[in-house]
């Protein structure tokens, strides 16, 4: 895939010029058309797909760092982190 970026506009949008395979183009446009989506929805679809891909890659990277940790130890670590966040985000009385 080739991507060319233009300077961000004032509305927080960056314009990309992309090249994808013909098969990908047909598959995505057919998918959108079957769901009654319009031409402008392609940008929204790509934006959402990009966000999901970044999340997926981030999660895979995080999981790979804990593969050798026992499940109970990992669950304990997660419980501690959740408790700390809840403690720090609870409004203070008074």
N, C-alpha and C. Protein backbone atom coordinates (compact mmCIF):
# COMPACT_ATOMS: atom_id res chain seq x y z
N UNK A 1 0.85 -1.16 0.00
CA UNK A 1 0.00 0.00 0.00
C UNK A 1 0.90 1.22 0.00
N UNK A 2 0.61 2.17 -0.86
CA UNK A 2 1.32 3.44 -0.90
C UNK A 2 0.44 4.50 -0.26
N UNK A 3 1.01 5.32 0.60
CA UNK A 3 0.26 6.38 1.27
C UNK A 3 1.02 7.68 1.14
N UNK A 4 0.32 8.73 0.71
CA UNK A 4 0.89 10.06 0.62
C UNK A 4 0.08 10.95 1.55
N UNK A 5 0.76 11.68 2.43
CA UNK A 5 0.07 12.51 3.41
C UNK A 5 0.16 13.98 3.03
N UNK A 6 -0.93 14.69 3.27
CA UNK A 6 -0.93 16.14 3.12
C UNK A 6 -0.96 16.75 4.51
N UNK A 7 -0.62 18.02 4.62
CA UNK A 7 -0.63 18.70 5.91
C UNK A 7 -2.02 18.64 6.54
N UNK A 8 -2.07 18.49 7.87
CA UNK A 8 -3.36 18.45 8.55
C UNK A 8 -4.14 19.74 8.32
N UNK A 9 -5.43 19.60 8.14
CA UNK A 9 -6.30 20.76 8.02
C UNK A 9 -6.69 21.21 9.42
N UNK A 10 -7.33 22.35 9.49
CA UNK A 10 -7.70 22.91 10.79
C UNK A 10 -8.74 22.08 11.51
N UNK A 11 -9.46 21.24 10.81
CA UNK A 11 -10.51 20.44 11.45
C UNK A 11 -9.99 19.11 11.97
N UNK A 12 -8.67 18.92 12.03
CA UNK A 12 -8.09 17.70 12.57
C UNK A 12 -8.06 16.55 11.56
N UNK A 13 -8.32 16.84 10.32
CA UNK A 13 -8.36 15.80 9.29
C UNK A 13 -7.07 15.88 8.46
N UNK A 14 -6.47 14.74 8.19
CA UNK A 14 -5.31 14.64 7.31
C UNK A 14 -5.74 13.87 6.07
N UNK A 15 -5.41 14.40 4.91
CA UNK A 15 -5.79 13.76 3.65
C UNK A 15 -4.71 12.78 3.25
N UNK A 16 -5.12 11.55 2.91
CA UNK A 16 -4.22 10.52 2.42
C UNK A 16 -4.56 10.21 0.97
N UNK A 17 -3.55 9.93 0.20
CA UNK A 17 -3.75 9.35 -1.13
C UNK A 17 -3.17 7.96 -1.04
N UNK A 18 -4.01 6.95 -1.24
CA UNK A 18 -3.61 5.56 -1.02
C UNK A 18 -3.71 4.74 -2.30
N UNK A 19 -2.91 3.70 -2.35
CA UNK A 19 -3.01 2.70 -3.41
C UNK A 19 -3.24 1.35 -2.75
N UNK A 20 -4.28 0.67 -3.18
CA UNK A 20 -4.56 -0.68 -2.68
C UNK A 20 -4.78 -1.58 -3.88
N UNK A 21 -4.75 -2.88 -3.63
CA UNK A 21 -4.97 -3.81 -4.73
C UNK A 21 -6.40 -3.69 -5.24
N UNK A 22 -6.61 -4.08 -6.46
CA UNK A 22 -7.95 -4.05 -7.07
C UNK A 22 -8.91 -4.92 -6.26
N UNK A 23 -8.43 -6.09 -5.80
CA UNK A 23 -9.27 -6.98 -5.00
C UNK A 23 -9.74 -6.32 -3.71
N UNK A 24 -8.82 -5.61 -3.04
CA UNK A 24 -9.18 -4.92 -1.80
C UNK A 24 -10.19 -3.82 -2.09
N UNK A 25 -9.96 -3.07 -3.15
CA UNK A 25 -10.88 -2.00 -3.53
C UNK A 25 -12.29 -2.54 -3.76
N UNK A 26 -12.39 -3.59 -4.52
CA UNK A 26 -13.70 -4.18 -4.83
C UNK A 26 -14.35 -4.73 -3.56
N UNK A 27 -13.57 -5.43 -2.73
CA UNK A 27 -14.12 -6.02 -1.51
C UNK A 27 -14.66 -4.96 -0.56
N UNK A 28 -13.88 -3.89 -0.34
CA UNK A 28 -14.30 -2.85 0.60
C UNK A 28 -15.48 -2.08 0.04
N UNK A 29 -15.42 -1.68 -1.20
CA UNK A 29 -16.53 -0.92 -1.78
C UNK A 29 -17.81 -1.76 -1.84
N UNK A 30 -17.69 -3.04 -2.14
CA UNK A 30 -18.86 -3.92 -2.15
C UNK A 30 -19.44 -4.06 -0.75
N UNK A 31 -18.58 -4.22 0.23
CA UNK A 31 -19.00 -4.33 1.63
C UNK A 31 -19.78 -3.08 2.03
N UNK A 32 -19.25 -1.91 1.71
CA UNK A 32 -19.91 -0.66 2.06
C UNK A 32 -21.23 -0.50 1.31
N UNK A 33 -21.24 -0.84 0.04
CA UNK A 33 -22.45 -0.70 -0.77
C UNK A 33 -23.56 -1.62 -0.27
N UNK A 34 -23.21 -2.83 0.13
CA UNK A 34 -24.21 -3.78 0.64
C UNK A 34 -24.88 -3.27 1.90
N UNK A 35 -24.21 -2.40 2.60
CA UNK A 35 -24.76 -1.86 3.85
C UNK A 35 -25.33 -0.46 3.67
N UNK A 36 -25.49 -0.06 2.40
CA UNK A 36 -26.11 1.23 2.09
C UNK A 36 -25.25 2.43 2.39
N UNK A 37 -23.95 2.21 2.49
CA UNK A 37 -23.06 3.32 2.81
C UNK A 37 -22.72 4.09 1.53
N UNK A 38 -22.42 5.35 1.71
CA UNK A 38 -22.12 6.25 0.60
C UNK A 38 -20.61 6.38 0.39
N UNK A 39 -20.24 7.10 -0.66
CA UNK A 39 -18.84 7.27 -1.02
C UNK A 39 -18.01 7.85 0.13
N UNK A 40 -18.52 8.85 0.83
CA UNK A 40 -17.80 9.46 1.95
C UNK A 40 -17.55 8.53 3.10
N UNK A 41 -18.30 7.43 3.17
CA UNK A 41 -18.14 6.47 4.25
C UNK A 41 -16.85 5.66 4.12
N UNK A 42 -16.23 5.70 2.94
CA UNK A 42 -14.96 4.98 2.76
C UNK A 42 -13.90 5.55 3.70
N UNK A 43 -13.83 6.87 3.82
CA UNK A 43 -12.86 7.49 4.72
C UNK A 43 -13.12 7.08 6.16
N UNK A 44 -14.38 7.07 6.56
CA UNK A 44 -14.73 6.67 7.93
C UNK A 44 -14.36 5.22 8.17
N UNK A 45 -14.60 4.36 7.17
CA UNK A 45 -14.28 2.95 7.27
C UNK A 45 -12.78 2.75 7.46
N UNK A 46 -11.99 3.44 6.64
CA UNK A 46 -10.53 3.31 6.72
C UNK A 46 -10.01 3.86 8.05
N UNK A 47 -10.57 4.96 8.52
CA UNK A 47 -10.17 5.54 9.80
C UNK A 47 -10.43 4.54 10.93
N UNK A 48 -11.63 3.96 10.93
CA UNK A 48 -11.98 2.98 11.97
C UNK A 48 -11.11 1.73 11.87
N UNK A 49 -10.88 1.25 10.64
CA UNK A 49 -10.05 0.06 10.45
C UNK A 49 -8.63 0.31 10.95
N UNK A 50 -8.12 1.50 10.69
CA UNK A 50 -6.77 1.84 11.16
C UNK A 50 -6.68 1.84 12.68
N UNK A 51 -7.69 2.41 13.33
CA UNK A 51 -7.71 2.43 14.80
C UNK A 51 -7.77 1.01 15.36
N UNK A 52 -8.61 0.17 14.77
CA UNK A 52 -8.72 -1.21 15.24
C UNK A 52 -7.41 -1.96 15.03
N UNK A 53 -6.74 -1.71 13.90
CA UNK A 53 -5.47 -2.40 13.62
C UNK A 53 -4.39 -1.98 14.61
N UNK A 54 -4.34 -0.69 14.94
CA UNK A 54 -3.37 -0.22 15.93
C UNK A 54 -3.66 -0.87 17.28
N UNK A 55 -4.93 -0.91 17.68
CA UNK A 55 -5.30 -1.56 18.94
C UNK A 55 -4.91 -3.04 18.92
N UNK A 56 -5.21 -3.73 17.83
CA UNK A 56 -4.89 -5.15 17.70
C UNK A 56 -3.39 -5.39 17.83
N UNK A 57 -2.59 -4.59 17.15
CA UNK A 57 -1.14 -4.74 17.20
C UNK A 57 -0.60 -4.42 18.60
N UNK A 58 -1.17 -3.40 19.24
CA UNK A 58 -0.75 -3.03 20.60
C UNK A 58 -1.08 -4.15 21.58
N UNK A 59 -2.27 -4.72 21.46
CA UNK A 59 -2.67 -5.82 22.34
C UNK A 59 -1.79 -7.05 22.11
N UNK A 60 -1.50 -7.37 20.87
CA UNK A 60 -0.65 -8.52 20.57
C UNK A 60 0.75 -8.33 21.15
N UNK A 61 1.26 -7.11 21.04
CA UNK A 61 2.58 -6.81 21.60
C UNK A 61 2.57 -6.94 23.12
N UNK A 62 1.53 -6.42 23.76
CA UNK A 62 1.42 -6.52 25.22
C UNK A 62 1.29 -7.98 25.65
N UNK A 63 0.44 -8.74 24.96
CA UNK A 63 0.26 -10.15 25.31
C UNK A 63 1.56 -10.93 25.19
N UNK A 64 2.35 -10.61 24.17
CA UNK A 64 3.59 -11.36 23.94
C UNK A 64 4.59 -11.17 25.08
N UNK A 65 4.47 -10.07 25.80
CA UNK A 65 5.39 -9.81 26.90
C UNK A 65 5.04 -10.59 28.16
N UNK A 66 3.85 -11.20 28.19
CA UNK A 66 3.41 -11.93 29.38
C UNK A 66 3.16 -13.41 29.11
N UNK A 67 3.66 -13.93 28.00
CA UNK A 67 3.37 -15.32 27.63
C UNK A 67 3.93 -16.33 28.63
N UNK A 68 5.03 -15.99 29.28
CA UNK A 68 5.63 -16.95 30.22
C UNK A 68 5.18 -16.73 31.66
N UNK A 69 4.25 -15.81 31.88
CA UNK A 69 3.76 -15.54 33.24
C UNK A 69 2.55 -16.44 33.52
N UNK A 70 2.50 -17.08 34.68
CA UNK A 70 1.35 -17.91 35.03
C UNK A 70 0.06 -17.07 35.05
N UNK A 71 -1.05 -17.69 34.70
CA UNK A 71 -2.33 -16.99 34.61
C UNK A 71 -2.69 -16.30 35.93
N UNK A 72 -2.46 -16.97 37.04
CA UNK A 72 -2.79 -16.39 38.35
C UNK A 72 -1.97 -15.13 38.62
N UNK A 73 -0.70 -15.15 38.27
CA UNK A 73 0.16 -13.99 38.45
C UNK A 73 -0.27 -12.82 37.57
N UNK A 74 -0.66 -13.13 36.34
CA UNK A 74 -1.13 -12.09 35.42
C UNK A 74 -2.43 -11.49 35.93
N UNK A 75 -3.34 -12.33 36.38
CA UNK A 75 -4.61 -11.84 36.90
C UNK A 75 -4.39 -10.95 38.13
N UNK A 76 -3.46 -11.33 38.98
CA UNK A 76 -3.13 -10.53 40.16
C UNK A 76 -2.57 -9.17 39.74
N UNK A 77 -1.70 -9.16 38.75
CA UNK A 77 -1.12 -7.92 38.25
C UNK A 77 -2.20 -7.00 37.68
N UNK A 78 -3.13 -7.57 36.93
CA UNK A 78 -4.24 -6.80 36.35
C UNK A 78 -5.13 -6.25 37.46
N UNK A 79 -5.43 -7.08 38.46
CA UNK A 79 -6.27 -6.63 39.59
C UNK A 79 -5.62 -5.45 40.32
N UNK A 80 -4.31 -5.53 40.52
CA UNK A 80 -3.59 -4.43 41.18
C UNK A 80 -3.68 -3.15 40.36
N UNK A 81 -3.49 -3.27 39.05
CA UNK A 81 -3.54 -2.10 38.18
C UNK A 81 -4.93 -1.47 38.17
N UNK A 82 -5.96 -2.30 38.09
CA UNK A 82 -7.34 -1.80 38.09
C UNK A 82 -7.64 -1.10 39.41
N UNK A 83 -7.24 -1.70 40.52
CA UNK A 83 -7.46 -1.10 41.84
C UNK A 83 -6.76 0.25 41.95
N UNK A 84 -5.54 0.35 41.43
CA UNK A 84 -4.79 1.61 41.48
C UNK A 84 -5.48 2.69 40.66
N UNK A 85 -5.95 2.33 39.49
CA UNK A 85 -6.65 3.31 38.65
C UNK A 85 -7.93 3.77 39.31
N UNK A 86 -8.67 2.83 39.87
CA UNK A 86 -9.92 3.19 40.55
C UNK A 86 -9.63 4.08 41.75
N UNK A 87 -8.60 3.78 42.48
CA UNK A 87 -8.23 4.56 43.65
C UNK A 87 -7.84 5.98 43.24
N UNK A 88 -7.06 6.10 42.17
CA UNK A 88 -6.59 7.40 41.71
C UNK A 88 -7.68 8.23 41.04
N UNK A 89 -8.71 7.58 40.50
CA UNK A 89 -9.75 8.32 39.78
C UNK A 89 -11.00 8.56 40.62
N UNK A 90 -11.02 8.04 41.85
CA UNK A 90 -12.16 8.27 42.74
C UNK A 90 -12.07 9.68 43.30
N UNK A 91 -13.16 10.47 43.12
CA UNK A 91 -13.12 11.83 43.65
C UNK A 91 -12.92 11.84 45.17
N UNK A 92 -12.12 12.77 45.62
CA UNK A 92 -11.85 12.91 47.05
C UNK A 92 -13.01 13.66 47.72
N UNK A 93 -13.44 13.20 48.86
CA UNK A 93 -14.51 13.86 49.61
C UNK A 93 -13.96 15.08 50.32
N UNK A 94 -14.79 16.14 50.38
CA UNK A 94 -14.43 17.26 51.22
C UNK A 94 -13.83 18.36 50.52
